[in-house]
Amino acid sequence: MTVLRGSLACRSIFHPDAEEKDIMPSKQTATEKKTVRKTPGTYPTEKVQKAFRPHKKQNAQKLRASITPGTVLIVLSGRFAGKRVVFLKQSSNGLLIVTGPYELNGVPVRRIAQHLVIATSTKVDVSAVDVSKFDDAYFAKPSAPKQKKSEQGFFAEDASAQQSKKPAEARLADQKSVDGAVLASVKKTEGLASYLAHSFSLRGVSRPVHLLKF
């Protein structure tokens, strides 16, 4: 019988009184704890991309050279798409503060992004309009803490929410003061009030849109 040197059988033959020891002793000490990763019970069916927070600083958006206070803009998207509005000023976060005026086309004082408007060559003198109070805080919605409600409280809040959709008296007063100053300047130019009251549209143009002069 061939006995391999170094095997257990060889040691038992030539060293019968020797104590049995592990051939490959564990390198793990008593203080170390081996971390075992459990197998997940479920696996996602699709690969979910991890969201990363942007680390770039968001600078204030630069105002286009074609947009100056009093410029008539054409709204391209949203609730008032196609409406012509008058630009008042730019807010601190880069949005444009505009007005219809409301009396002419139903557009109140509101904010809109630059990429959603086309600047026209028509101008309105808005030097007499006070726009100091219109900033981002003016348009911010008040946040109320969420609370648990009963069934009666739910319907009561629904009724109060319908009433709260109406603009506040202070907002209506601000709208009238702005529109009064803008309309006084609009009426000095013949046909400008009708121009602002009508929505923009294209019908059978003979040249591409990007070649049109607004």
Protein backbone atom coordinates (compact mmCIF):
# COMPACT_ATOMS: atom_id res chain seq x y z
CA MET A 1 0.00 0.00 0.00
CA THR A 2 1.37 3.38 -0.92
CA VAL A 3 1.14 5.98 1.83
CA LEU A 4 1.55 9.62 0.89
CA ARG A 5 4.00 11.47 3.02
CA GLY A 6 2.36 14.19 5.08
CA SER A 7 -1.07 12.55 5.04
CA LEU A 8 -3.03 11.59 8.17
CA ALA A 9 -2.31 7.89 7.59
CA CYS A 10 1.43 8.58 7.38
CA ARG A 11 1.43 10.56 10.61
CA SER A 12 -0.53 7.87 12.44
CA ILE A 13 2.00 5.24 11.38
CA PHE A 14 5.25 7.07 12.10
CA HIS A 15 4.02 9.32 14.96
CA PRO A 16 1.34 7.40 16.85
CA ASP A 17 1.61 9.60 19.99
CA ALA A 18 1.36 12.93 18.15
CA GLU A 19 -1.73 15.09 18.64
CA GLU A 20 -3.94 15.68 15.67
CA LYS A 21 -3.81 19.26 14.39
CA ASP A 22 -5.57 21.03 11.58
CA ILE A 23 -3.57 20.99 8.39
CA MET A 24 -4.96 24.41 7.37
CA PRO A 25 -5.46 26.44 10.54
CA SER A 26 -8.00 29.27 10.33
CA LYS A 27 -6.53 32.72 9.88
CA GLN A 28 -9.52 34.29 11.61
CA THR A 29 -8.79 35.46 15.17
CA ALA A 30 -11.22 35.49 18.07
CA THR A 31 -11.75 39.26 17.79
CA GLU A 32 -12.60 39.19 14.09
CA LYS A 33 -16.16 38.63 12.96
CA LYS A 34 -16.83 37.27 9.55
CA THR A 35 -19.55 39.27 7.77
CA VAL A 36 -21.96 37.10 5.87
CA ARG A 37 -24.08 38.80 3.23
CA LYS A 38 -27.57 37.38 3.18
CA THR A 39 -29.13 36.43 -0.09
CA PRO A 40 -32.03 38.78 -0.86
CA GLY A 41 -35.47 37.24 -0.88
CA THR A 42 -36.60 39.20 -3.93
CA TYR A 43 -34.89 40.71 -6.94
CA PRO A 44 -36.04 43.77 -8.95
CA THR A 45 -37.44 42.94 -12.37
CA GLU A 46 -35.90 46.09 -13.87
CA LYS A 47 -32.65 47.86 -13.17
CA VAL A 48 -33.36 50.93 -11.07
CA GLN A 49 -30.98 53.79 -11.68
CA LYS A 50 -29.68 55.46 -8.55
CA ALA A 51 -30.48 59.14 -8.28
CA PHE A 52 -27.51 61.45 -7.85
CA ARG A 53 -27.70 64.91 -6.37
CA PRO A 54 -26.24 67.58 -8.65
CA HIS A 55 -23.21 69.29 -7.16
CA LYS A 56 -23.15 72.17 -9.61
CA LYS A 57 -24.14 75.58 -8.32
CA GLN A 58 -27.28 76.93 -9.98
CA ASN A 59 -26.52 80.47 -11.05
CA ALA A 60 -29.17 83.05 -11.81
CA GLN A 61 -30.52 82.68 -15.33
CA LYS A 62 -29.32 85.39 -17.68
CA LEU A 63 -32.03 87.49 -19.29
CA ARG A 64 -32.17 87.39 -23.09
CA ALA A 65 -31.11 90.59 -24.81
CA SER A 66 -34.41 90.74 -26.71
CA ILE A 67 -36.43 90.85 -23.46
CA THR A 68 -36.51 94.22 -21.71
CA PRO A 69 -39.13 95.77 -19.38
CA GLY A 70 -42.20 96.53 -21.50
CA THR A 71 -41.51 93.96 -24.24
CA VAL A 72 -44.61 92.17 -25.53
CA LEU A 73 -44.10 88.39 -25.31
CA ILE A 74 -45.99 85.50 -26.90
CA VAL A 75 -46.66 82.61 -24.52
CA LEU A 76 -45.91 79.23 -26.14
CA SER A 77 -47.18 76.72 -23.58
CA GLY A 78 -49.42 76.31 -20.59
CA ARG A 79 -52.81 77.62 -19.70
CA PHE A 80 -52.30 80.92 -21.55
CA ALA A 81 -50.64 79.53 -24.68
CA GLY A 82 -50.93 81.96 -27.59
CA LYS A 83 -51.62 84.96 -25.37
CA ARG A 84 -49.65 88.19 -25.70
CA VAL A 85 -48.34 89.52 -22.39
CA VAL A 86 -46.27 92.49 -21.23
CA PHE A 87 -42.96 91.78 -19.48
CA LEU A 88 -42.50 93.67 -16.19
CA LYS A 89 -39.27 92.36 -14.62
CA GLN A 90 -37.21 89.25 -13.89
CA SER A 91 -37.43 87.56 -10.47
CA SER A 92 -34.40 86.43 -8.47
CA ASN A 93 -34.76 82.80 -9.63
CA GLY A 94 -34.76 83.74 -13.32
CA LEU A 95 -38.50 83.60 -14.07
CA LEU A 96 -40.24 86.40 -15.97
CA ILE A 97 -42.98 88.39 -14.24
CA VAL A 98 -45.62 89.36 -16.81
CA THR A 99 -49.16 90.71 -17.01
CA GLY A 100 -51.83 90.59 -19.74
CA PRO A 101 -53.17 93.05 -18.75
CA TYR A 102 -55.99 91.03 -17.22
CA GLU A 103 -58.66 93.42 -18.49
CA LEU A 104 -57.63 92.81 -22.11
CA ASN A 105 -56.81 89.10 -22.37
CA GLY A 106 -57.43 87.56 -18.93
CA VAL A 107 -53.76 86.99 -18.04
CA PRO A 108 -53.04 88.07 -14.43
CA VAL A 109 -49.68 89.02 -12.96
CA ARG A 110 -47.77 85.75 -12.99
CA ARG A 111 -44.35 84.15 -13.53
CA ILE A 112 -43.25 82.25 -16.62
CA ALA A 113 -40.00 80.68 -17.83
CA GLN A 114 -37.93 82.33 -20.57
CA HIS A 115 -37.93 79.31 -22.87
CA LEU A 116 -41.74 79.37 -23.00
CA VAL A 117 -42.03 82.81 -24.62
CA ILE A 118 -41.16 84.53 -27.91
CA ALA A 119 -40.03 88.14 -27.66
CA THR A 120 -41.63 90.54 -30.16
CA SER A 121 -40.45 93.92 -31.38
CA THR A 122 -43.48 95.64 -29.80
CA LYS A 123 -42.77 97.67 -26.67
CA VAL A 124 -44.96 99.20 -23.96
CA ASP A 125 -43.77 101.96 -21.65
CA VAL A 126 -43.90 100.48 -18.12
CA SER A 127 -41.72 103.07 -16.37
CA ALA A 128 -44.74 104.24 -14.34
CA VAL A 129 -45.63 100.72 -13.13
CA ASP A 130 -44.62 99.90 -9.54
CA VAL A 131 -43.31 96.32 -9.53
CA SER A 132 -41.27 96.47 -6.31
CA LYS A 133 -43.60 94.14 -4.38
CA PHE A 134 -43.56 91.37 -6.99
CA ASP A 135 -40.89 88.83 -6.05
CA ASP A 136 -40.67 85.07 -5.49
CA ALA A 137 -42.09 85.36 -1.97
CA TYR A 138 -45.15 87.14 -3.37
CA PHE A 139 -46.05 84.14 -5.54
CA ALA A 140 -45.14 81.46 -2.96
CA LYS A 141 -48.02 79.25 -1.83
CA PRO A 142 -48.57 79.03 1.95
CA SER A 143 -47.87 75.53 3.27
CA ALA A 144 -50.15 74.17 5.99
CA PRO A 145 -49.15 71.22 8.23
CA LYS A 146 -50.88 67.94 7.40
CA GLN A 147 -53.22 66.60 10.08
CA LYS A 148 -55.40 63.54 10.44
CA LYS A 149 -59.00 64.31 9.56
CA SER A 150 -62.30 62.59 10.13
CA GLU A 151 -64.90 62.12 7.41
CA GLN A 152 -66.72 65.32 8.38
CA GLY A 153 -63.46 67.24 8.53
CA PHE A 154 -62.51 65.99 5.06
CA PHE A 155 -65.66 67.37 3.42
CA ALA A 156 -65.39 70.59 5.41
CA GLU A 157 -61.84 71.09 4.18
CA ASP A 158 -62.92 70.34 0.60
CA ALA A 159 -65.51 73.11 0.78
CA SER A 160 -62.99 75.56 2.25
CA ALA A 161 -60.46 74.65 -0.47
CA GLN A 162 -62.97 75.62 -3.16
CA GLN A 163 -63.36 79.02 -1.51
CA SER A 164 -59.60 79.49 -1.10
CA LYS A 165 -59.10 79.16 -4.89
CA LYS A 166 -60.50 82.67 -5.27
CA PRO A 167 -57.76 85.34 -5.28
CA ALA A 168 -57.32 87.38 -2.13
CA GLU A 169 -58.44 90.99 -1.93
CA ALA A 170 -54.83 92.17 -1.75
CA ARG A 171 -54.00 90.30 -4.98
CA LEU A 172 -56.98 91.87 -6.75
CA ALA A 173 -55.93 95.34 -5.61
CA ASP A 174 -52.36 94.76 -6.84
CA GLN A 175 -53.69 93.53 -10.19
CA LYS A 176 -55.84 96.63 -10.64
CA SER A 177 -52.99 99.00 -9.80
CA VAL A 178 -50.62 97.30 -12.28
CA ASP A 179 -53.20 97.04 -15.05
CA GLY A 180 -54.22 100.67 -14.60
CA ALA A 181 -50.68 101.90 -15.22
CA VAL A 182 -50.09 99.50 -18.12
CA LEU A 183 -53.42 100.30 -19.81
CA ALA A 184 -52.73 104.03 -19.58
CA SER A 185 -49.56 103.47 -21.58
CA VAL A 186 -51.21 101.02 -24.01
CA LYS A 187 -53.99 103.46 -24.94
CA LYS A 188 -51.42 106.00 -26.12
CA THR A 189 -50.60 103.75 -29.10
CA GLU A 190 -53.39 103.17 -31.61
CA GLY A 191 -54.30 99.52 -32.14
CA LEU A 192 -52.05 98.23 -29.33
CA ALA A 193 -54.98 97.30 -27.07
CA SER A 194 -56.54 95.19 -29.84
CA TYR A 195 -53.13 93.60 -30.54
CA LEU A 196 -52.80 92.48 -26.90
CA ALA A 197 -56.41 91.31 -26.69
CA HIS A 198 -56.09 88.88 -29.63
CA SER A 199 -54.20 85.60 -29.34
CA PHE A 200 -51.29 84.75 -31.64
CA SER A 201 -51.92 82.24 -34.44
CA LEU A 202 -50.44 81.21 -37.81
CA ARG A 203 -52.60 80.71 -40.89
CA GLY A 204 -51.19 79.74 -44.27
CA VAL A 205 -47.74 81.26 -43.80
CA SER A 206 -45.56 81.32 -46.91
CA ARG A 207 -42.27 81.14 -45.04
CA PRO A 208 -40.90 78.98 -42.18
CA VAL A 209 -41.73 80.03 -38.65
CA HIS A 210 -38.10 80.72 -37.73
CA LEU A 211 -37.92 83.35 -40.52
CA LEU A 212 -40.96 85.30 -39.30
CA LYS A 213 -40.45 88.65 -37.63
CA PHE A 214 -42.51 89.06 -34.50
